[in-house]
Amino acid sequence: GIGCQREDTERIGRLGRKLTAHVTAVAPSMPPGLAAAWDTLATPAMSPVERHVRDRLINDQGLGNCVLEISQVAPGVIKLSGTVEQPGQKVRAAELTKLTIGVQEVIDELTVAR
């Protein structure tokens, strides 16, 4: 068929996440809007629920510099992974995710860097 296959979108997503991590590492003061644009490129095959969670987390001022991965592992179940700088950010990310319409369960695999 024409278009991207699932494995193609997964490869593009992995490449985008690596690029995002690299850009974030070399330019930690990247404006939030630019970070959001990179994040959008890094996750081309997101479900609507994943997009809603991503938008909530991106727009939260306390989570602006966190590199988070969001994945829907089952209907209504969102897994958060990645690294946050402070324990409060871990709690906040999980809370915002749980309060998002369409999310019934959050699997929190976030780690605290410090």
Protein backbone atom coordinates (compact mmCIF):
# COMPACT_ATOMS: atom_id res chain seq x y z
CA GLY A 1 0.00 0.00 0.00
CA ILE A 2 0.86 3.64 -0.19
CA GLY A 3 2.05 5.54 2.88
CA CYS A 4 3.96 4.68 5.99
CA GLN A 5 3.73 1.29 7.61
CA ARG A 6 3.54 1.04 11.41
CA GLU A 7 7.23 0.11 11.68
CA ASP A 8 8.10 3.18 9.56
CA THR A 9 6.24 5.51 11.91
CA GLU A 10 7.90 3.84 14.90
CA ARG A 11 11.34 4.38 13.34
CA ILE A 12 10.51 8.02 12.60
CA GLY A 13 9.29 8.41 16.19
CA ARG A 14 12.50 6.92 17.62
CA LEU A 15 14.59 9.21 15.40
CA GLY A 16 12.52 12.21 16.45
CA ARG A 17 12.87 11.37 20.15
CA LYS A 18 16.65 11.01 19.77
CA LEU A 19 16.80 14.32 17.93
CA THR A 20 14.67 15.98 20.60
CA ALA A 21 16.91 14.66 23.38
CA HIS A 22 20.01 15.87 21.51
CA VAL A 23 18.60 19.33 20.83
CA THR A 24 17.45 19.61 24.44
CA ALA A 25 20.93 18.62 25.66
CA VAL A 26 22.76 21.19 23.52
CA ALA A 27 20.13 23.93 23.92
CA PRO A 28 18.55 23.49 27.37
CA SER A 29 16.96 26.93 27.20
CA MET A 30 14.97 26.10 24.08
CA PRO A 31 11.69 28.08 24.04
CA PRO A 32 8.68 25.93 25.04
CA GLY A 33 7.01 26.46 21.66
CA LEU A 34 10.05 25.11 19.83
CA ALA A 35 10.27 22.19 22.24
CA ALA A 36 6.60 21.43 21.53
CA ALA A 37 7.25 21.52 17.79
CA TRP A 38 10.15 19.06 18.14
CA ASP A 39 7.97 16.84 20.31
CA THR A 40 5.22 16.86 17.69
CA LEU A 41 7.70 15.74 15.04
CA ALA A 42 9.01 13.04 17.35
CA THR A 43 5.61 11.40 17.79
CA PRO A 44 3.83 11.15 14.42
CA ALA A 45 1.55 8.22 15.27
CA MET A 46 -0.07 9.41 18.50
CA SER A 47 -3.62 8.53 19.43
CA PRO A 48 -6.04 11.36 20.32
CA VAL A 49 -5.70 10.52 24.03
CA GLU A 50 -1.89 10.61 23.78
CA ARG A 51 -2.13 14.01 22.06
CA HIS A 52 -4.40 15.37 24.82
CA VAL A 53 -1.97 14.18 27.49
CA ARG A 54 1.02 15.58 25.56
CA ASP A 55 -0.70 18.96 25.19
CA ARG A 56 -1.50 19.12 28.91
CA LEU A 57 2.07 18.24 29.89
CA ILE A 58 3.69 20.60 27.37
CA ASN A 59 1.54 23.51 28.50
CA ASP A 60 2.28 23.02 32.19
CA GLN A 61 4.96 25.54 33.18
CA GLY A 62 6.41 23.24 35.82
CA LEU A 63 7.12 20.49 33.29
CA GLY A 64 8.53 22.63 30.48
CA ASN A 65 12.08 21.22 30.49
CA CYS A 66 11.19 17.56 31.06
CA VAL A 67 11.75 14.99 28.33
CA LEU A 68 8.74 12.69 28.58
CA GLU A 69 7.48 9.85 26.45
CA ILE A 70 3.76 9.18 26.39
CA SER A 71 2.32 5.95 25.08
CA GLN A 72 -1.13 4.42 25.15
CA VAL A 73 -0.57 0.78 26.04
CA ALA A 74 -4.28 -0.14 26.11
CA PRO A 75 -7.54 1.78 25.76
CA GLY A 76 -7.56 4.35 28.56
CA VAL A 77 -4.12 3.31 29.85
CA ILE A 78 -1.26 5.77 29.41
CA LYS A 79 2.37 4.99 30.23
CA LEU A 80 4.68 7.86 31.12
CA SER A 81 8.43 7.36 30.82
CA GLY A 82 11.43 9.61 30.71
CA THR A 83 13.26 11.79 33.18
CA VAL A 84 12.17 14.72 35.32
CA GLU A 85 14.38 17.00 37.39
CA GLN A 86 12.40 16.99 40.64
CA PRO A 87 10.07 14.60 42.50
CA GLY A 88 7.25 17.15 42.33
CA GLN A 89 7.40 17.07 38.53
CA LYS A 90 6.90 13.30 38.58
CA VAL A 91 3.80 13.69 40.76
CA ARG A 92 2.48 16.58 38.63
CA ALA A 93 2.92 14.72 35.34
CA ALA A 94 1.04 11.68 36.68
CA GLU A 95 -1.74 13.86 38.14
CA LEU A 96 -2.25 15.83 34.91
CA THR A 97 -2.29 12.62 32.91
CA LYS A 98 -4.85 11.00 35.20
CA LEU A 99 -7.10 14.09 34.92
CA THR A 100 -7.08 13.97 31.11
CA ILE A 101 -10.33 12.93 29.45
CA GLY A 102 -10.04 9.37 28.17
CA VAL A 103 -7.43 8.27 30.71
CA GLN A 104 -8.49 5.69 33.29
CA GLU A 105 -5.07 4.48 34.41
CA VAL A 106 -1.53 5.86 34.45
CA ILE A 107 1.56 3.70 34.45
CA ASP A 108 4.25 5.98 35.90
CA GLU A 109 7.73 4.92 34.84
CA LEU A 110 9.22 8.40 35.20
CA THR A 111 12.58 8.70 36.89
CA VAL A 112 13.95 11.64 38.86
CA ALA A 113 17.36 12.83 37.60
CA ARG A 114 18.62 14.18 40.92
